Amino acid sequence: VYIDIDRQLAARYGMTIDDVHSIVGSAVGGKVVTQSVEGRERFPIAMRFLQHYRDTPESLASMPFVTPSGVHITLGDVATVRIDDG
């Protein structure tokens, strides 16, 4: 999947390219938010978006998130999501 972020659209929402990359990385790959301690063992607990937001380019583009300024948008509002040969 190819995600082409529109810098101007992202900037309108007060976001940088790194902000969008962070959201996509957390949503698709997951982000460790805490850890579980069981005796002497520690296990990371990660969160990520539900599978139906990650199945297709269209569903990924419809992935909702909140901008740093508090506006609710989708990834498709600031990026073009498509499958590319490569």
PDB file of N, CA and C in Angstrom:
ATOM      1  N   VAL A   1       0.852  -1.179   0.000  1.00  0.00           N
ATOM      2  CA  VAL A   1       0.000   0.000   0.000  1.00  0.00           C
ATOM      3  C   VAL A   1       0.889   1.230   0.000  1.00  0.00           C
ATOM      4  N   TYR A   2       0.541   2.177  -0.847  1.00  0.00           N
ATOM      5  CA  TYR A   2       1.289   3.426  -0.971  1.00  0.00           C
ATOM      6  C   TYR A   2       0.447   4.551  -0.380  1.00  0.00           C
ATOM      7  N   ILE A   3       1.013   5.312   0.531  1.00  0.00           N
ATOM      8  CA  ILE A   3       0.317   6.435   1.153  1.00  0.00           C
ATOM      9  C   ILE A   3       1.064   7.707   0.792  1.00  0.00           C
ATOM     10  N   ASP A   4       0.413   8.537  -0.018  1.00  0.00           N
ATOM     11  CA  ASP A   4       1.004   9.802  -0.466  1.00  0.00           C
ATOM     12  C   ASP A   4       0.383  10.935   0.353  1.00  0.00           C
ATOM     13  N   ILE A   5       1.139  11.464   1.290  1.00  0.00           N
ATOM     14  CA  ILE A   5       0.646  12.503   2.191  1.00  0.00           C
ATOM     15  C   ILE A   5       0.750  13.863   1.510  1.00  0.00           C
ATOM     16  N   ASP A   6      -0.341  14.604   1.520  1.00  0.00           N
ATOM     17  CA  ASP A   6      -0.371  15.955   0.968  1.00  0.00           C
ATOM     18  C   ASP A   6       0.073  16.916   2.076  1.00  0.00           C
ATOM     19  N   ARG A   7       1.262  17.467   1.939  1.00  0.00           N
ATOM     20  CA  ARG A   7       1.835  18.335   2.979  1.00  0.00           C
ATOM     21  C   ARG A   7       0.958  19.547   3.271  1.00  0.00           C
ATOM     22  N   GLN A   8       0.388  20.131   2.219  1.00  0.00           N
ATOM     23  CA  GLN A   8      -0.442  21.323   2.423  1.00  0.00           C
ATOM     24  C   GLN A   8      -1.728  20.984   3.178  1.00  0.00           C
ATOM     25  N   LEU A   9      -2.373  19.879   2.817  1.00  0.00           N
ATOM     26  CA  LEU A   9      -3.583  19.482   3.529  1.00  0.00           C
ATOM     27  C   LEU A   9      -3.273  19.156   4.983  1.00  0.00           C
ATOM     28  N   ALA A  10      -2.181  18.444   5.216  1.00  0.00           N
ATOM     29  CA  ALA A  10      -1.790  18.112   6.587  1.00  0.00           C
ATOM     30  C   ALA A  10      -1.518  19.388   7.385  1.00  0.00           C
ATOM     31  N   ALA A  11      -0.838  20.343   6.764  1.00  0.00           N
ATOM     32  CA  ALA A  11      -0.512  21.606   7.447  1.00  0.00           C
ATOM     33  C   ALA A  11      -1.766  22.389   7.808  1.00  0.00           C
ATOM     34  N   ARG A  12      -2.811  22.276   6.999  1.00  0.00           N
ATOM     35  CA  ARG A  12      -4.074  22.966   7.311  1.00  0.00           C
ATOM     36  C   ARG A  12      -4.666  22.474   8.633  1.00  0.00           C
ATOM     37  N   TYR A  13      -4.367  21.234   8.956  1.00  0.00           N
ATOM     38  CA  TYR A  13      -4.857  20.655  10.210  1.00  0.00           C
ATOM     39  C   TYR A  13      -3.804  20.725  11.318  1.00  0.00           C
ATOM     40  N   GLY A  14      -2.718  21.451  11.076  1.00  0.00           N
ATOM     41  CA  GLY A  14      -1.669  21.610  12.078  1.00  0.00           C
ATOM     42  C   GLY A  14      -0.807  20.378  12.243  1.00  0.00           C
ATOM     43  N   MET A  15      -0.695  19.573  11.173  1.00  0.00           N
ATOM     44  CA  MET A  15       0.068  18.332  11.248  1.00  0.00           C
ATOM     45  C   MET A  15       1.291  18.378  10.348  1.00  0.00           C
ATOM     46  N   THR A  16       2.323  17.668  10.767  1.00  0.00           N
ATOM     47  CA  THR A  16       3.511  17.497   9.943  1.00  0.00           C
ATOM     48  C   THR A  16       3.461  16.101   9.322  1.00  0.00           C
ATOM     49  N   ILE A  17       4.381  15.852   8.417  1.00  0.00           N
ATOM     50  CA  ILE A  17       4.486  14.522   7.817  1.00  0.00           C
ATOM     51  C   ILE A  17       4.774  13.487   8.905  1.00  0.00           C
ATOM     52  N   ASP A  18       5.626  13.832   9.854  1.00  0.00           N
ATOM     53  CA  ASP A  18       5.940  12.914  10.955  1.00  0.00           C
ATOM     54  C   ASP A  18       4.713  12.582  11.791  1.00  0.00           C
ATOM     55  N   ASP A  19       3.820  13.553  11.995  1.00  0.00           N
ATOM     56  CA  ASP A  19       2.580  13.294  12.733  1.00  0.00           C
ATOM     57  C   ASP A  19       1.750  12.231  12.023  1.00  0.00           C
ATOM     58  N   VAL A  20       1.598  12.385  10.714  1.00  0.00           N
ATOM     59  CA  VAL A  20       0.801  11.423   9.942  1.00  0.00           C
ATOM     60  C   VAL A  20       1.483  10.060   9.939  1.00  0.00           C
ATOM     61  N   HIS A  21       2.802  10.026   9.772  1.00  0.00           N
ATOM     62  CA  HIS A  21       3.533   8.757   9.803  1.00  0.00           C
ATOM     63  C   HIS A  21       3.346   8.050  11.149  1.00  0.00           C
ATOM     64  N   SER A  22       3.393   8.808  12.211  1.00  0.00           N
ATOM     65  CA  SER A  22       3.215   8.242  13.546  1.00  0.00           C
ATOM     66  C   SER A  22       1.834   7.618  13.707  1.00  0.00           C
ATOM     67  N   ILE A  23       0.806   8.306  13.222  1.00  0.00           N
ATOM     68  CA  ILE A  23      -0.557   7.786  13.314  1.00  0.00           C
ATOM     69  C   ILE A  23      -0.703   6.507  12.498  1.00  0.00           C
ATOM     70  N   VAL A  24      -0.199   6.524  11.276  1.00  0.00           N
ATOM     71  CA  VAL A  24      -0.293   5.340  10.419  1.00  0.00           C
ATOM     72  C   VAL A  24       0.507   4.182  11.018  1.00  0.00           C
ATOM     73  N   GLY A  25       1.703   4.471  11.502  1.00  0.00           N
ATOM     74  CA  GLY A  25       2.526   3.418  12.110  1.00  0.00           C
ATOM     75  C   GLY A  25       1.862   2.797  13.318  1.00  0.00           C
ATOM     76  N   SER A  26       1.259   3.613  14.151  1.00  0.00           N
ATOM     77  CA  SER A  26       0.563   3.103  15.336  1.00  0.00           C
ATOM     78  C   SER A  26      -0.673   2.311  14.954  1.00  0.00           C
ATOM     79  N   ALA A  27      -1.402   2.813  13.962  1.00  0.00           N
ATOM     80  CA  ALA A  27      -2.648   2.166  13.562  1.00  0.00           C
ATOM     81  C   ALA A  27      -2.405   0.814  12.905  1.00  0.00           C
ATOM     82  N   VAL A  28      -1.406   0.739  12.058  1.00  0.00           N
ATOM     83  CA  VAL A  28      -1.150  -0.485  11.303  1.00  0.00           C
ATOM     84  C   VAL A  28      -0.232  -1.437  12.061  1.00  0.00           C
ATOM     85  N   GLY A  29       0.868  -0.929  12.538  1.00  0.00           N
ATOM     86  CA  GLY A  29       1.846  -1.785  13.199  1.00  0.00           C
ATOM     87  C   GLY A  29       1.634  -1.949  14.681  1.00  0.00           C
ATOM     88  N   GLY A  30       0.909  -1.038  15.278  1.00  0.00           N
ATOM     89  CA  GLY A  30       0.675  -1.090  16.717  1.00  0.00           C
ATOM     90  C   GLY A  30       1.686  -0.258  17.475  1.00  0.00           C
ATOM     91  N   LYS A  31       1.322   0.098  18.685  1.00  0.00           N
ATOM     92  CA  LYS A  31       2.201   0.893  19.536  1.00  0.00           C
ATOM     93  C   LYS A  31       2.101   0.350  20.951  1.00  0.00           C
ATOM     94  N   VAL A  32       3.240   0.126  21.568  1.00  0.00           N
ATOM     95  CA  VAL A  32       3.251  -0.367  22.939  1.00  0.00           C
ATOM     96  C   VAL A  32       2.779   0.754  23.857  1.00  0.00           C
ATOM     97  N   VAL A  33       1.725   0.474  24.641  1.00  0.00           N
ATOM     98  CA  VAL A  33       1.161   1.496  25.514  1.00  0.00           C
ATOM     99  C   VAL A  33       1.424   1.233  26.991  1.00  0.00           C
ATOM    100  N   THR A  34       1.708  -0.002  27.338  1.00  0.00           N
ATOM    101  CA  THR A  34       2.010  -0.353  28.724  1.00  0.00           C
ATOM    102  C   THR A  34       2.631  -1.743  28.736  1.00  0.00           C
ATOM    103  N   GLN A  35       2.821  -2.274  29.899  1.00  0.00           N
ATOM    104  CA  GLN A  35       3.324  -3.644  30.002  1.00  0.00           C
ATOM    105  C   GLN A  35       2.622  -4.360  31.140  1.00  0.00           C
ATOM    106  N   SER A  36       2.562  -5.663  30.992  1.00  0.00           N
ATOM    107  CA  SER A  36       1.959  -6.505  32.012  1.00  0.00           C
ATOM    108  C   SER A  36       3.091  -7.183  32.787  1.00  0.00           C
ATOM    109  N   VAL A  37       2.981  -7.170  34.096  1.00  0.00           N
ATOM    110  CA  VAL A  37       4.002  -7.794  34.939  1.00  0.00           C
ATOM    111  C   VAL A  37       3.384  -9.037  35.568  1.00  0.00           C
ATOM    112  N   GLU A  38       4.006 -10.166  35.283  1.00  0.00           N
ATOM    113  CA  GLU A  38       3.570 -11.430  35.860  1.00  0.00           C
ATOM    114  C   GLU A  38       4.783 -12.076  36.527  1.00  0.00           C
ATOM    115  N   GLY A  39       4.867 -11.909  37.830  1.00  0.00           N
ATOM    116  CA  GLY A  39       6.047 -12.392  38.553  1.00  0.00           C
ATOM    117  C   GLY A  39       7.246 -11.575  38.148  1.00  0.00           C
ATOM    118  N   ARG A  40       8.266 -12.257  37.627  1.00  0.00           N
ATOM    119  CA  ARG A  40       9.472 -11.562  37.176  1.00  0.00           C
ATOM    120  C   ARG A  40       9.442 -11.264  35.680  1.00  0.00           C
ATOM    121  N   GLU A  41       8.402 -11.727  34.991  1.00  0.00           N
ATOM    122  CA  GLU A  41       8.272 -11.519  33.551  1.00  0.00           C
ATOM    123  C   GLU A  41       7.529 -10.218  33.250  1.00  0.00           C
ATOM    124  N   ARG A  42       7.927  -9.549  32.189  1.00  0.00           N
ATOM    125  CA  ARG A  42       7.244  -8.345  31.721  1.00  0.00           C
ATOM    126  C   ARG A  42       6.861  -8.560  30.259  1.00  0.00           C
ATOM    127  N   PHE A  43       5.596  -8.278  29.932  1.00  0.00           N
ATOM    128  CA  PHE A  43       5.093  -8.475  28.579  1.00  0.00           C
ATOM    129  C   PHE A  43       4.529  -7.163  28.052  1.00  0.00           C
ATOM    130  N   PRO A  44       4.953  -6.737  26.856  1.00  0.00           N
ATOM    131  CA  PRO A  44       4.428  -5.480  26.300  1.00  0.00           C
ATOM    132  C   PRO A  44       2.972  -5.648  25.864  1.00  0.00           C
ATOM    133  N   ILE A  45       2.192  -4.594  26.045  1.00  0.00           N
ATOM    134  CA  ILE A  45       0.808  -4.568  25.582  1.00  0.00           C
ATOM    135  C   ILE A  45       0.720  -3.479  24.524  1.00  0.00           C
ATOM    136  N   ALA A  46       0.359  -3.887  23.311  1.00  0.00           N
ATOM    137  CA  ALA A  46       0.292  -2.956  22.184  1.00  0.00           C
ATOM    138  C   ALA A  46      -1.158  -2.764  21.741  1.00  0.00           C
ATOM    139  N   MET A  47      -1.424  -1.595  21.208  1.00  0.00           N
ATOM    140  CA  MET A  47      -2.742  -1.290  20.654  1.00  0.00           C
ATOM    141  C   MET A  47      -2.581  -0.913  19.195  1.00  0.00           C
ATOM    142  N   ARG A  48      -3.569  -1.277  18.389  1.00  0.00           N
ATOM    143  CA  ARG A  48      -3.624  -0.833  17.004  1.00  0.00           C
ATOM    144  C   ARG A  48      -5.075  -0.831  16.550  1.00  0.00           C
ATOM    145  N   PHE A  49      -5.323  -0.226  15.393  1.00  0.00           N
ATOM    146  CA  PHE A  49      -6.675  -0.128  14.885  1.00  0.00           C
ATOM    147  C   PHE A  49      -7.224  -1.503  14.543  1.00  0.00           C
ATOM    148  N   LEU A  50      -8.534  -1.627  14.558  1.00  0.00           N
ATOM    149  CA  LEU A  50      -9.183  -2.885  14.216  1.00  0.00           C
ATOM    150  C   LEU A  50      -8.818  -3.316  12.802  1.00  0.00           C
ATOM    151  N   GLN A  51      -8.897  -4.623  12.551  1.00  0.00           N
ATOM    152  CA  GLN A  51      -8.505  -5.193  11.265  1.00  0.00           C
ATOM    153  C   GLN A  51      -9.264  -4.569  10.089  1.00  0.00           C
ATOM    154  N   HIS A  52     -10.550  -4.259  10.260  1.00  0.00           N
ATOM    155  CA  HIS A  52     -11.316  -3.733   9.124  1.00  0.00           C
ATOM    156  C   HIS A  52     -10.833  -2.347   8.688  1.00  0.00           C
ATOM    157  N   TYR A  53     -10.070  -1.637   9.519  1.00  0.00           N
ATOM    158  CA  TYR A  53      -9.474  -0.376   9.094  1.00  0.00           C
ATOM    159  C   TYR A  53      -8.171  -0.597   8.320  1.00  0.00           C
ATOM    160  N   ARG A  54      -7.654  -1.812   8.338  1.00  0.00           N
ATOM    161  CA  ARG A  54      -6.352  -2.080   7.725  1.00  0.00           C
ATOM    162  C   ARG A  54      -6.427  -3.043   6.548  1.00  0.00           C
ATOM    163  N   ASP A  55      -7.620  -3.519   6.184  1.00  0.00           N
ATOM    164  CA  ASP A  55      -7.780  -4.552   5.158  1.00  0.00           C
ATOM    165  C   ASP A  55      -7.513  -4.073   3.734  1.00  0.00           C
ATOM    166  N   THR A  56      -8.032  -2.928   3.376  1.00  0.00           N
ATOM    167  CA  THR A  56      -7.942  -2.430   2.000  1.00  0.00           C
ATOM    168  C   THR A  56      -7.485  -0.974   2.007  1.00  0.00           C
ATOM    169  N   PRO A  57      -7.005  -0.493   0.865  1.00  0.00           N
ATOM    170  CA  PRO A  57      -6.632   0.926   0.789  1.00  0.00           C
ATOM    171  C   PRO A  57      -7.814   1.849   1.102  1.00  0.00           C
ATOM    172  N   GLU A  58      -9.006   1.457   0.658  1.00  0.00           N
ATOM    173  CA  GLU A  58     -10.189   2.283   0.908  1.00  0.00           C
ATOM    174  C   GLU A  58     -10.506   2.355   2.403  1.00  0.00           C
ATOM    175  N   SER A  59     -10.413   1.220   3.080  1.00  0.00           N
ATOM    176  CA  SER A  59     -10.705   1.229   4.513  1.00  0.00           C
ATOM    177  C   SER A  59      -9.605   1.950   5.295  1.00  0.00           C
ATOM    178  N   LEU A  60      -8.362   1.835   4.827  1.00  0.00           N
ATOM    179  CA  LEU A  60      -7.263   2.564   5.473  1.00  0.00           C
ATOM    180  C   LEU A  60      -7.463   4.074   5.301  1.00  0.00           C
ATOM    181  N   ALA A  61      -7.923   4.495   4.114  1.00  0.00           N
ATOM    182  CA  ALA A  61      -8.178   5.912   3.874  1.00  0.00           C
ATOM    183  C   ALA A  61      -9.317   6.432   4.748  1.00  0.00           C
ATOM    184  N   SER A  62     -10.229   5.556   5.148  1.00  0.00           N
ATOM    185  CA  SER A  62     -11.356   5.986   5.986  1.00  0.00           C
ATOM    186  C   SER A  62     -11.041   5.903   7.477  1.00  0.00           C
ATOM    187  N   MET A  63      -9.794   5.577   7.808  1.00  0.00           N
ATOM    188  CA  MET A  63      -9.378   5.463   9.200  1.00  0.00           C
ATOM    189  C   MET A  63      -9.487   6.816   9.903  1.00  0.00           C
ATOM    190  N   PRO A  64     -10.283   6.900  10.974  1.00  0.00           N
ATOM    191  CA  PRO A  64     -10.460   8.175  11.660  1.00  0.00           C
ATOM    192  C   PRO A  64      -9.358   8.436  12.687  1.00  0.00           C
ATOM    193  N   PHE A  65      -9.054   9.695  12.897  1.00  0.00           N
ATOM    194  CA  PHE A  65      -8.160  10.092  13.979  1.00  0.00           C
ATOM    195  C   PHE A  65      -8.421  11.553  14.322  1.00  0.00           C
ATOM    196  N   VAL A  66      -7.854  11.993  15.420  1.00  0.00           N
ATOM    197  CA  VAL A  66      -8.020  13.367  15.888  1.00  0.00           C
ATOM    198  C   VAL A  66      -6.690  14.089  15.722  1.00  0.00           C
ATOM    199  N   THR A  67      -6.735  15.264  15.105  1.00  0.00           N
ATOM    200  CA  THR A  67      -5.521  16.054  14.884  1.00  0.00           C
ATOM    201  C   THR A  67      -5.069  16.699  16.189  1.00  0.00           C
ATOM    202  N   PRO A  68      -3.841  17.207  16.233  1.00  0.00           N
ATOM    203  CA  PRO A  68      -3.372  17.887  17.453  1.00  0.00           C
ATOM    204  C   PRO A  68      -4.259  19.065  17.863  1.00  0.00           C
ATOM    205  N   SER A  69      -4.962  19.661  16.894  1.00  0.00           N
ATOM    206  CA  SER A  69      -5.842  20.792  17.212  1.00  0.00           C
ATOM    207  C   SER A  69      -7.246  20.344  17.615  1.00  0.00           C
ATOM    208  N   GLY A  70      -7.493  19.012  17.625  1.00  0.00           N
ATOM    209  CA  GLY A  70      -8.772  18.481  18.080  1.00  0.00           C
ATOM    210  C   GLY A  70      -9.800  18.242  16.994  1.00  0.00           C
ATOM    211  N   VAL A  71      -9.417  18.376  15.727  1.00  0.00           N
ATOM    212  CA  VAL A  71     -10.340  18.161  14.619  1.00  0.00           C
ATOM    213  C   VAL A  71     -10.389  16.668  14.278  1.00  0.00           C
ATOM    214  N   HIS A  72     -11.589  16.134  14.060  1.00  0.00           N
ATOM    215  CA  HIS A  72     -11.769  14.739  13.674  1.00  0.00           C
ATOM    216  C   HIS A  72     -11.729  14.640  12.147  1.00  0.00           C
ATOM    217  N   ILE A  73     -10.753  13.892  11.620  1.00  0.00           N
ATOM    218  CA  ILE A  73     -10.617  13.704  10.176  1.00  0.00           C
ATOM    219  C   ILE A  73     -10.299  12.244   9.896  1.00  0.00           C
ATOM    220  N   THR A  74     -10.183  11.901   8.613  1.00  0.00           N
ATOM    221  CA  THR A  74      -9.745  10.568   8.211  1.00  0.00           C
ATOM    222  C   THR A  74      -8.391  10.689   7.519  1.00  0.00           C
ATOM    223  N   LEU A  75      -7.717   9.571   7.373  1.00  0.00           N
ATOM    224  CA  LEU A  75      -6.430   9.580   6.677  1.00  0.00           C
ATOM    225  C   LEU A  75      -6.602  10.076   5.252  1.00  0.00           C
ATOM    226  N   GLY A  76      -7.728   9.734   4.608  1.00  0.00           N
ATOM    227  CA  GLY A  76      -8.009  10.182   3.248  1.00  0.00           C
ATOM    228  C   GLY A  76      -8.144  11.685   3.110  1.00  0.00           C
ATOM    229  N   ASP A  77      -8.377  12.388   4.223  1.00  0.00           N
ATOM    230  CA  ASP A  77      -8.450  13.849   4.179  1.00  0.00           C
ATOM    231  C   ASP A  77      -7.086  14.496   3.986  1.00  0.00           C
ATOM    232  N   VAL A  78      -6.013  13.790   4.326  1.00  0.00           N
ATOM    233  CA  VAL A  78      -4.666  14.355   4.205  1.00  0.00           C
ATOM    234  C   VAL A  78      -3.726  13.518   3.341  1.00  0.00           C
ATOM    235  N   ALA A  79      -4.228  12.397   2.808  1.00  0.00           N
ATOM    236  CA  ALA A  79      -3.353  11.524   2.018  1.00  0.00           C
ATOM    237  C   ALA A  79      -4.156  10.726   0.996  1.00  0.00           C
ATOM    238  N   THR A  80      -3.462  10.315  -0.056  1.00  0.00           N
ATOM    239  CA  THR A  80      -4.028   9.405  -1.049  1.00  0.00           C
ATOM    240  C   THR A  80      -3.478   8.014  -0.727  1.00  0.00           C
ATOM    241  N   VAL A  81      -4.367   7.040  -0.609  1.00  0.00           N
ATOM    242  CA  VAL A  81      -3.966   5.681  -0.262  1.00  0.00           C
ATOM    243  C   VAL A  81      -4.288   4.783  -1.447  1.00  0.00           C
ATOM    244  N   ARG A  82      -3.279   4.054  -1.948  1.00  0.00           N
ATOM    245  CA  ARG A  82      -3.504   3.172  -3.102  1.00  0.00           C
ATOM    246  C   ARG A  82      -2.497   2.030  -3.101  1.00  0.00           C
ATOM    247  N   ILE A  83      -2.763   1.050  -3.928  1.00  0.00           N
ATOM    248  CA  ILE A  83      -1.814  -0.052  -4.119  1.00  0.00           C
ATOM    249  C   ILE A  83      -1.002   0.263  -5.359  1.00  0.00           C
ATOM    250  N   ASP A  84       0.302   0.124  -5.252  1.00  0.00           N
ATOM    251  CA  ASP A  84       1.221   0.392  -6.350  1.00  0.00           C
ATOM    252  C   ASP A  84       2.054  -0.846  -6.631  1.00  0.00           C
ATOM    253  N   ASP A  85       2.419  -1.037  -7.894  1.00  0.00           N
ATOM    254  CA  ASP A  85       3.345  -2.107  -8.234  1.00  0.00           C
ATOM    255  C   ASP A  85       4.747  -1.651  -7.866  1.00  0.00           C
ATOM    256  N   GLY A  86       5.550  -2.592  -7.379  1.00  0.00           N
ATOM    257  CA  GLY A  86       6.900  -2.166  -7.052  1.00  0.00           C
ATOM    258  C   GLY A  86       7.720  -3.233  -6.437  1.00  0.00           C
TER     259      GLY A  86
END
